[in-house]
Amino acid sequence: MLKPLLFMLTIVTLVAISLNIDFSSETSITQEPIKISIKEEILASPEEKDVPSIPSLASLSTAKHLHDELNLLLQKAKKLFKDNKDSEALLIYEKIIEKSKNSNELKVLKIFAEACFEKAIIHYIYPNYDADSAIESYELVKDRLENSNNKELLLLYMQSRLYQAPFISKEEILITYDELIEKFTNDKEKRFDKEIEELLFTKSFILMGVDDEGAMEVLDSIIAKYENQTELPDTVKFSILNNIELSIITANDPDKYIELATEYMSDSPDTQALLQMLDIIRNAQNLDQTESLEKWFKEHANYKFPDWDFSELRKWTNNMEILETQTRINSYLDSFEKQKYNNIYQPSSTINPTIKGNEEEIY
C-alpha cells in the first residue's frame, strides 16, 4: 500500500508549527476587477449601491501596530517554549489569543491561529498530556474561522479540525473528513480541488482494514475525475496502485486498474516493480510463484519500495483460512520486505534469491 507523505499530513504539519513556520508572512492576494455596467451604476439609487467602506489611515496604522506587537509576543513565547519554560509561554499565547481573536485582519488572524496551535502542542506534550485543553485550543480556531471566506483562513480552519485526530475515535475522524470534503466541495469559487483530493486520499487510508470496499470507492472517486486525461497527479497514481492491492484483498478483479497503471504510469520507475510484485501475490493464492519470484529479484534487485507499506497485505494473509496459502504468501512478503530493508539500510549489498527445499524462502 502506497503511503506517501500526505498521509502524514497531521503529524507533519504539527511538526512544522513546532519548527516555527511563520504564519504571519505577508501574502499578496490578487482580486479580479469588479465589472459594473455604467448604465446600472447611474440608475442605481444610493440605497441600492453597495459602497465599500475604506479603512482610515488611523485604523490601518492600528492594525499594523497590533500585528507587530503580536508578532513580537509570538517570537517571545516560542523562545520560552524552546527554553522549556512552558508555563510562561502558555501565558503569552493566551495573551496573544485574547488580543487577536476579535480582529478581522488576515495577518492578525493567522497569528491567532498559530498561537492556538502552539498552545495546543504545549498542552498535550510531556509532561502535560492535557488532551482536553489541546482540543479547546483547536476549537477556538475552528469556531473563529469556520465562516470565513478567505482561503488561507479556511485552510487554517481545516488544520484545526485535522489536528484533533489523535484525540478522537476513528468514527469521529471519518465524520471530520466527510464534513471538510463537503464544505470544500460546496465552495462556490472551487478553490479547494487539491485539498479535496488529499482529504479523500487520506480518508481511504482510514477506511483500509475496516471497510476495504469503501476505501476502494473513495479511491475510485479520485480516479474518475481524471478519466481520459493524459497526465495524472500523484494522488491518482497512488490511488490506482492502491486499488490494485485492495482488489486482491477484497477478491475483486484488478484488471481495470492494471490497465490504467500500464497506460498512464508506464514511465514510472515504480510501476513495473509494484505491478509484478502484486501479480505474484495475487497468483500465489493458488499456485507456487518461485519462478516468478526469482525473475522479479533479478530484474528489480535494487528496488527500494519507496512509500510502500506491507501492513494491509499482512492483515489479509493473517486472516486466511488455508494454512498452505497463508504460509506461501507470507514467505513471499518476507522476501520483499527483506529487500526493502536491505536496500534502504544496506544499499551496497545485493540480495541473491535462493530456494531452500520446499520452503520457498528467499534470502
Foldseek 3Di string as FASTA:
>chain_A
DFDDPLLVVLVVVLVVLLVPDDLLDDDDDDDDDDDDDPVCVVPDDPVRDDDDDDDDPVVVVVVVVLLVVLVVLQVVLSVCVVVVVPVVSLVSLVVLLVSQLPDPDPSSLSSNLSSLSVNLVSCCDPPHNNLVSSLVSLVSLLVSQVPPPDPVSVVSNLSSLQNNVVPDDLVVNLVSLVVNLVVQVPNPVNPCPVVNLSSLLSSLVSCQPPPLVVSLVSLVVQLVVCPPPQADDPSNLVSLLVNLLSCLLVVHDSVVSLVVCVRRPVVPPVRVLSVLLSVLLSCLLPDQCLVSLQVSCVVPQLDQCPSDDCVSVLVSLVPDPDPVSSQRSVLSVVVVVVSNVCCVPPVVDTFHFDQDDPSSHGD
